[in-house]
Amino acid sequence: MRAGVGLAVLVLFFTPVGFAAHEGDGVPFADAASWRTDFRRHSVPLREIREGGPPRDGIPAVDRPRFDTVRQARGWLRDLEPVVAVEVRGEARAYPVQILIWHEIVNDVVGGEPLAVTFCPLCNAAIAFPRQAAGRVLDFGTTGKLRYSDLVMYDRQTESWWQQMTGEAIVGELVGTRLQPVPAQMAAWGEFARTYPQGRVLNRDTGFRRAYGRNPYAGYDDARSSPFLYDGPRDGRLRPMERVVAVAGGREAVAYPFEVLKVARVVNDRVGTRPIVVVWAPGMASALDREEIAGSRDVGAVGVFERVVDGRLLTFRLREGRLEDRQTGSTWDSFGRAVRGPLRGRQLKPVVHGTYFWFAWAAFRPDTRVYRP
């Protein structure tokens, strides 16, 4: 199934009969009366927010997540399948994209930290946020709305609306509040399982019946195609659907195109004043290619880390297929852990980053520098 057909079916499936936007009371949403949201307070033009097809919570968040052990999850996950890996205070969890693609939000607590683990299929954006704001813990759901083709979430406590890509409340009581993302790495399941054998894995017992393992957006990530339901600004430096790894630091943001990373494999760079290393490796399937995620093409996975250990700046390279620092000759894995050499057991500090389609990142950070070797 190609992207246009698959997405059209998905929208028709979720769209209620007679659902159409209107300008009632200056609020361009047909369901405005069903919200407690204060639409008078907004930091973006309301006209930029459009109906995505599903109604509020038509794509249901997972509020009571259950978890498998790594051993249990090996029975239903394949090594190349993508997961979102999050580690807080030594507790590691994997959120399979085959589940996230149907729910988009998981309200969880990891290492004692209330987190929202989110995934927007239309932007290929996996982002994890702390759920504490304005002196309370928030629970998030899907509004059924999009802005620049990106998921607009809402919190159930105030019914403020939040932009997933920026973590900012854009409509309602909490306008201007921003959630600062925590490191969340898109990784291959097999790599997570080897690195974190004691980790926990979100399982399919979500309370909902969905075709887990199947991709309702088949063919969407074709770099030659166009983004769905997107009417935002255009940045012609890269093709809209090209995959990039984006890192923001201080006043600077940098995008590393996958096509460049596949050749370079390892990039030593600075974002703002922060020295980082960006590492690409093959072995992770796209979640948005074929109907069966496990059988989708290999697009590779990326890790981003600070390259300073004990005040010492390291420079990394690929040597005989292994990631190595030039200063000590230590070998590092894809999660930034030294596995051999003088620095064995040390951990590079993860850097908040995301793997996105270019159009989505550029819409929110048009000042981005595109990395060129």
Protein backbone atom coordinates (compact mmCIF):
# COMPACT_ATOMS: atom_id res chain seq x y z
CA MET A 1 0.00 0.00 0.00
CA ARG A 2 1.48 3.36 -0.95
CA ALA A 3 1.51 6.31 1.42
CA GLY A 4 -1.40 8.23 -0.08
CA VAL A 5 -3.76 5.26 -0.03
CA GLY A 6 -2.74 4.10 3.44
CA LEU A 7 -3.10 7.53 5.00
CA ALA A 8 -6.42 8.18 3.29
CA VAL A 9 -7.82 4.94 4.70
CA LEU A 10 -6.54 5.84 8.18
CA VAL A 11 -8.14 9.30 8.07
CA LEU A 12 -11.47 7.98 6.81
CA PHE A 13 -11.49 5.27 9.47
CA PHE A 14 -11.12 7.75 12.32
CA THR A 15 -13.07 10.76 10.99
CA PRO A 16 -16.56 11.11 12.51
CA VAL A 17 -19.49 11.70 10.14
CA GLY A 18 -20.18 15.39 9.61
CA PHE A 19 -16.91 16.51 11.23
CA ALA A 20 -15.81 19.75 9.57
CA ALA A 21 -13.96 22.82 10.82
CA HIS A 22 -15.79 26.13 11.11
CA GLU A 23 -15.09 29.61 12.44
CA GLY A 24 -17.63 29.61 15.30
CA ASP A 25 -16.75 32.35 17.81
CA GLY A 26 -13.41 32.83 16.06
CA VAL A 27 -12.22 29.35 17.02
CA PRO A 28 -11.68 27.27 13.86
CA PHE A 29 -12.45 23.86 15.41
CA ALA A 30 -15.76 22.05 15.07
CA ASP A 31 -15.33 20.39 18.45
CA ALA A 32 -14.36 23.58 20.32
CA ALA A 33 -17.39 23.41 22.61
CA SER A 34 -16.27 20.03 23.94
CA TRP A 35 -12.99 21.43 25.27
CA ARG A 36 -12.31 23.25 28.55
CA THR A 37 -9.38 24.91 26.77
CA ASP A 38 -9.08 28.70 26.98
CA PHE A 39 -8.79 29.41 23.25
CA ARG A 40 -8.28 33.12 23.95
CA ARG A 41 -4.76 32.26 25.06
CA HIS A 42 -2.52 31.05 22.27
CA SER A 43 1.08 31.66 21.18
CA VAL A 44 0.55 30.63 17.55
CA PRO A 45 -2.23 31.55 15.11
CA LEU A 46 -5.10 29.10 15.62
CA ARG A 47 -5.47 28.86 11.84
CA GLU A 48 -2.13 27.01 11.74
CA ILE A 49 -3.69 24.14 13.70
CA ARG A 50 -5.69 21.82 11.50
CA GLU A 51 -7.77 18.69 11.83
CA GLY A 52 -5.70 15.53 11.53
CA GLY A 53 -8.64 13.16 10.98
CA PRO A 54 -9.00 11.30 14.29
CA PRO A 55 -11.05 13.03 17.02
CA ARG A 56 -9.68 13.73 20.48
CA ASP A 57 -8.15 10.50 21.81
CA GLY A 58 -9.13 8.71 18.59
CA ILE A 59 -5.48 7.68 18.71
CA PRO A 60 -5.45 6.63 22.37
CA ALA A 61 -2.49 7.23 24.66
CA VAL A 62 -1.23 4.35 26.78
CA ASP A 63 -1.90 5.36 30.38
CA ARG A 64 -1.26 2.07 32.14
CA PRO A 65 1.82 0.69 30.42
CA ARG A 66 2.82 -2.90 31.10
CA PHE A 67 6.26 -4.29 30.47
CA ASP A 68 8.00 -7.48 29.41
CA THR A 69 11.47 -8.62 30.26
CA VAL A 70 14.00 -8.66 27.44
CA ARG A 71 13.67 -12.43 27.28
CA GLN A 72 9.88 -12.26 26.94
CA ALA A 73 10.04 -9.53 24.29
CA ARG A 74 12.40 -11.60 22.13
CA GLY A 75 9.37 -13.76 21.35
CA TRP A 76 7.58 -11.01 19.45
CA LEU A 77 10.17 -8.37 18.50
CA ARG A 78 12.71 -8.79 15.71
CA ASP A 79 16.29 -7.54 16.04
CA LEU A 80 16.04 -4.80 13.41
CA GLU A 81 12.77 -3.35 14.68
CA PRO A 82 13.03 0.23 16.00
CA VAL A 83 12.47 1.02 19.66
CA VAL A 84 12.71 4.27 21.59
CA ALA A 85 15.27 3.72 24.35
CA VAL A 86 15.10 5.79 27.54
CA GLU A 87 17.30 5.44 30.61
CA VAL A 88 16.71 7.37 33.84
CA ARG A 89 18.71 6.78 37.02
CA GLY A 90 19.89 3.40 35.80
CA GLU A 91 16.44 2.18 34.73
CA ALA A 92 16.33 1.39 31.00
CA ARG A 93 13.13 0.96 29.03
CA ALA A 94 12.37 0.28 25.38
CA TYR A 95 9.19 1.45 23.68
CA PRO A 96 8.70 -0.48 20.43
CA VAL A 97 7.65 1.77 17.59
CA GLN A 98 5.28 -1.00 16.42
CA ILE A 99 3.20 0.01 19.49
CA LEU A 100 3.92 3.74 19.55
CA ILE A 101 2.81 4.13 15.93
CA TRP A 102 -0.76 3.25 17.05
CA HIS A 103 -0.81 5.29 20.27
CA GLU A 104 1.69 8.15 19.84
CA ILE A 105 1.90 8.82 23.61
CA VAL A 106 2.84 6.65 26.60
CA ASN A 107 2.38 8.20 30.05
CA ASP A 108 4.94 6.44 32.20
CA VAL A 109 7.27 6.76 35.20
CA VAL A 110 10.93 5.81 34.62
CA GLY A 111 13.49 5.87 37.39
CA GLY A 112 10.98 7.77 39.50
CA GLU A 113 10.56 10.44 36.79
CA PRO A 114 7.08 10.91 35.27
CA LEU A 115 7.65 10.92 31.50
CA ALA A 116 5.62 11.17 28.33
CA VAL A 117 7.23 9.11 25.57
CA THR A 118 5.85 10.38 22.27
CA PHE A 119 6.05 9.47 18.60
CA CYS A 120 4.61 11.40 15.66
CA PRO A 121 4.59 9.13 12.57
CA LEU A 122 4.05 11.99 10.12
CA CYS A 123 7.29 13.65 11.30
CA ASN A 124 9.14 10.48 12.36
CA ALA A 125 9.65 12.27 15.68
CA ALA A 126 10.28 10.30 18.88
CA ILE A 127 10.62 12.62 21.90
CA ALA A 128 10.45 11.98 25.65
CA PHE A 129 9.39 14.74 28.05
CA PRO A 130 9.13 15.08 31.82
CA ARG A 131 5.43 15.35 32.71
CA GLN A 132 5.82 17.83 35.54
CA ALA A 133 4.83 21.44 34.89
CA ALA A 134 3.21 24.26 36.84
CA GLY A 135 3.62 22.34 40.08
CA ARG A 136 1.76 19.21 39.01
CA VAL A 137 2.17 15.96 37.11
CA LEU A 138 0.38 16.06 33.77
CA ASP A 139 -1.14 13.24 31.73
CA PHE A 140 -1.13 13.67 27.97
CA GLY A 141 -3.50 12.63 25.20
CA THR A 142 -3.91 13.33 21.48
CA THR A 143 -6.05 16.27 20.36
CA GLY A 144 -6.64 14.89 16.86
CA LYS A 145 -5.04 18.10 15.58
CA LEU A 146 -1.81 18.83 13.73
CA ARG A 147 0.37 21.87 13.28
CA TYR A 148 2.90 21.69 10.47
CA SER A 149 1.95 18.00 10.25
CA ASP A 150 3.18 17.48 13.81
CA LEU A 151 1.23 15.97 16.69
CA VAL A 152 -0.61 18.44 18.93
CA MET A 153 -1.02 16.89 22.38
CA TYR A 154 -3.14 18.05 25.30
CA ASP A 155 -2.81 17.62 29.04
CA ARG A 156 -5.86 16.28 30.82
CA GLN A 157 -5.40 18.52 33.86
CA THR A 158 -5.83 21.91 32.13
CA GLU A 159 -6.64 20.82 28.55
CA SER A 160 -3.89 23.08 27.28
CA TRP A 161 -2.58 22.06 23.83
CA TRP A 162 1.10 21.24 23.34
CA GLN A 163 3.34 21.05 20.26
CA GLN A 164 5.18 17.74 20.28
CA MET A 165 8.24 18.93 18.31
CA THR A 166 8.98 21.80 20.72
CA GLY A 167 7.41 20.60 23.98
CA GLU A 168 5.68 23.97 24.28
CA ALA A 169 2.11 24.71 25.35
CA ILE A 170 0.69 26.70 22.45
CA VAL A 171 -3.00 27.03 23.43
CA GLY A 172 -4.74 27.34 26.79
CA GLU A 173 -3.92 28.00 30.43
CA LEU A 174 -0.28 26.85 30.28
CA VAL A 175 0.69 28.79 27.13
CA GLY A 176 4.42 29.48 27.07
CA THR A 177 5.30 26.61 29.39
CA ARG A 178 7.94 24.41 27.82
CA LEU A 179 8.85 20.84 28.66
CA GLN A 180 12.58 20.15 28.27
CA PRO A 181 13.13 16.79 26.53
CA VAL A 182 15.28 14.05 28.03
CA PRO A 183 17.60 11.87 25.93
CA ALA A 184 15.63 9.27 23.97
CA GLN A 185 17.51 7.23 21.38
CA MET A 186 15.87 5.47 18.44
CA ALA A 187 17.66 2.14 18.34
CA ALA A 188 17.35 -1.36 16.97
CA TRP A 189 15.67 -3.77 19.36
CA GLY A 190 18.51 -6.28 19.13
CA GLU A 191 21.06 -3.64 20.12
CA PHE A 192 18.95 -2.54 23.10
CA ALA A 193 18.51 -6.15 24.24
CA ARG A 194 22.26 -6.80 24.13
CA THR A 195 23.13 -3.57 25.92
CA TYR A 196 20.39 -3.67 28.56
CA PRO A 197 19.62 -7.34 29.31
CA GLN A 198 17.81 -6.25 32.50
CA GLY A 199 15.80 -3.58 30.69
CA ARG A 200 12.02 -3.52 30.46
CA VAL A 201 10.04 -3.45 27.23
CA LEU A 202 6.58 -1.95 26.69
CA ASN A 203 4.34 -4.87 25.76
CA ARG A 204 1.25 -5.21 23.62
CA ASP A 205 -1.15 -5.46 26.56
CA THR A 206 -2.24 -1.84 26.19
CA GLY A 207 -5.96 -2.29 26.75
CA PHE A 208 -6.61 -1.69 23.04
CA ARG A 209 -6.79 -3.98 20.04
CA ARG A 210 -4.46 -2.78 17.30
CA ALA A 211 -2.50 -4.45 14.51
CA TYR A 212 0.81 -4.21 16.34
CA GLY A 213 3.69 -4.93 14.02
CA ARG A 214 1.92 -3.42 11.02
CA ASN A 215 2.53 0.05 9.67
CA PRO A 216 -0.62 2.02 8.74
CA TYR A 217 1.55 4.56 6.90
CA ALA A 218 3.11 2.13 4.42
CA GLY A 219 5.43 3.82 1.94
CA TYR A 220 5.27 7.17 3.70
CA ASP A 221 9.01 7.62 4.19
CA ASP A 222 9.91 7.64 0.51
CA ALA A 223 12.35 10.56 0.26
CA ARG A 224 10.83 11.46 -3.12
CA SER A 225 7.33 11.91 -1.69
CA SER A 226 5.68 14.87 0.04
CA PRO A 227 4.64 15.23 3.68
CA PHE A 228 1.01 14.53 4.49
CA LEU A 229 -1.30 17.35 5.68
CA TYR A 230 1.59 19.82 5.63
CA ASP A 231 1.03 23.46 4.76
CA GLY A 232 3.93 25.08 6.59
CA PRO A 233 7.11 26.82 5.43
CA ARG A 234 9.45 25.12 2.98
CA ASP A 235 13.22 24.87 3.24
CA GLY A 236 14.77 23.75 -0.03
CA ARG A 237 18.23 22.91 1.30
CA LEU A 238 17.15 19.27 1.62
CA ARG A 239 14.24 17.24 0.30
CA PRO A 240 11.24 17.52 2.66
CA MET A 241 11.16 13.80 3.49
CA GLU A 242 14.90 13.38 3.91
CA ARG A 243 15.89 11.91 7.27
CA VAL A 244 18.09 14.06 9.49
CA VAL A 245 19.48 13.89 13.00
CA ALA A 246 18.86 17.24 14.66
CA VAL A 247 20.71 18.64 17.67
CA ALA A 248 20.08 22.00 19.33
CA GLY A 249 22.43 23.67 21.78
CA GLY A 250 22.35 27.25 22.97
CA ARG A 251 21.47 29.44 20.02
CA GLU A 252 22.59 26.93 17.41
CA ALA A 253 20.81 23.98 15.83
CA VAL A 254 22.44 21.52 13.43
CA ALA A 255 20.91 18.89 11.15
CA TYR A 256 23.00 15.90 10.00
CA PRO A 257 21.49 14.30 6.87
CA PHE A 258 21.37 10.51 6.97
CA GLU A 259 22.80 10.40 3.46
CA VAL A 260 25.91 12.16 4.76
CA LEU A 261 26.11 10.05 7.93
CA LYS A 262 25.90 6.79 5.96
CA VAL A 263 29.18 7.76 4.29
CA ALA A 264 30.95 9.46 7.19
CA ARG A 265 29.66 7.03 9.85
CA VAL A 266 31.27 9.16 12.61
CA VAL A 267 31.13 12.96 12.87
CA ASN A 268 33.07 14.95 15.48
CA ASP A 269 31.48 18.39 15.72
CA ARG A 270 30.42 21.22 18.01
CA VAL A 271 26.90 22.52 18.49
CA GLY A 272 27.17 25.88 20.15
CA THR A 273 30.05 25.37 22.58
CA ARG A 274 29.28 21.69 23.15
CA PRO A 275 31.62 19.13 21.54
CA ILE A 276 29.62 16.15 20.33
CA VAL A 277 30.02 12.97 18.33
CA VAL A 278 27.30 11.70 15.99
CA VAL A 279 27.51 7.99 15.19
CA TRP A 280 25.52 6.17 12.48
CA ALA A 281 25.42 2.39 12.16
CA PRO A 282 23.37 0.05 9.96
CA GLY A 283 20.97 -2.44 11.47
CA MET A 284 17.66 -0.68 12.22
CA ALA A 285 14.52 -0.90 10.11
CA SER A 286 12.33 2.03 9.13
CA ALA A 287 8.97 2.12 10.92
CA LEU A 288 7.31 3.82 7.94
CA ASP A 289 8.37 1.75 4.94
CA ARG A 290 6.54 -1.55 4.36
CA GLU A 291 3.30 -2.77 5.87
CA GLU A 292 5.25 -5.12 8.11
CA ILE A 293 7.71 -3.08 10.16
CA ALA A 294 9.98 -6.06 10.79
CA GLY A 295 10.42 -6.48 7.02
CA SER A 296 11.12 -2.84 6.23
CA ARG A 297 14.36 -1.56 4.77
CA ASP A 298 17.40 -0.87 6.91
CA VAL A 299 17.85 2.89 7.45
CA GLY A 300 20.36 2.62 10.28
CA ALA A 301 20.37 4.13 13.76
CA VAL A 302 22.14 7.13 15.26
CA GLY A 303 23.53 7.99 18.69
CA VAL A 304 24.70 11.45 19.78
CA PHE A 305 26.97 12.01 22.77
CA GLU A 306 29.21 14.57 24.41
CA ARG A 307 32.81 13.67 23.63
CA VAL A 308 34.34 14.77 26.90
CA VAL A 309 35.37 12.34 29.66
CA ASP A 310 36.87 13.67 32.90
CA GLY A 311 37.51 17.01 31.23
CA ARG A 312 39.38 15.37 28.35
CA LEU A 313 38.19 16.02 24.81
CA LEU A 314 38.00 12.84 22.75
CA THR A 315 38.00 12.46 18.98
CA PHE A 316 36.26 9.42 17.56
CA ARG A 317 36.76 7.31 14.46
CA LEU A 318 35.63 4.03 13.01
CA ARG A 319 38.38 1.41 13.05
CA GLU A 320 37.79 -2.10 11.72
CA GLY A 321 34.07 -1.57 12.12
CA ARG A 322 34.32 -0.45 15.76
CA LEU A 323 33.90 3.00 17.29
CA GLU A 324 37.19 4.05 18.88
CA ASP A 325 38.58 7.21 20.44
CA ARG A 326 41.98 8.30 19.14
CA GLN A 327 43.29 9.44 22.52
CA THR A 328 43.08 6.11 24.42
CA GLY A 329 42.11 3.54 21.79
CA SER A 330 39.07 2.52 23.84
CA THR A 331 36.15 0.91 22.00
CA TRP A 332 32.60 2.24 22.49
CA ASP A 333 29.17 0.79 21.79
CA SER A 334 26.16 2.46 20.14
CA PHE A 335 24.84 3.66 23.52
CA GLY A 336 28.06 5.53 24.33
CA ARG A 337 29.55 2.97 26.72
CA ALA A 338 33.25 2.03 26.64
CA VAL A 339 33.39 -1.76 26.30
CA ARG A 340 37.16 -2.24 25.82
CA GLY A 341 40.37 -0.37 26.54
CA PRO A 342 41.57 2.03 29.24
CA LEU A 343 38.16 3.74 29.55
CA ARG A 344 36.15 0.52 29.82
CA GLY A 345 33.04 1.02 31.92
CA ARG A 346 32.85 4.78 31.28
CA GLN A 347 29.73 6.34 29.77
CA LEU A 348 29.56 9.24 27.34
CA LYS A 349 26.84 11.70 28.29
CA PRO A 350 23.86 11.31 25.90
CA VAL A 351 22.84 14.43 24.01
CA VAL A 352 19.18 15.20 23.39
CA HIS A 353 18.59 14.71 19.68
CA GLY A 354 15.96 13.47 17.29
CA THR A 355 15.69 11.63 14.00
CA TYR A 356 13.16 13.56 11.95
CA PHE A 357 12.01 14.24 8.44
CA TRP A 358 13.69 17.46 7.33
CA PHE A 359 10.45 19.37 6.64
CA ALA A 360 9.32 18.94 10.26
CA TRP A 361 12.52 20.05 11.96
CA ALA A 362 13.08 22.95 9.55
CA ALA A 363 9.55 24.26 10.14
CA PHE A 364 10.31 24.84 13.81
CA ARG A 365 14.03 25.65 13.55
CA PRO A 366 14.57 27.46 10.23
CA ASP A 367 17.89 28.79 11.58
CA THR A 368 19.36 25.29 11.49
CA ARG A 369 22.82 24.72 10.07
CA VAL A 370 22.90 21.74 7.72
CA TYR A 371 26.09 19.76 8.30
CA ARG A 372 28.31 19.26 5.27
CA PRO A 373 31.57 17.30 5.53
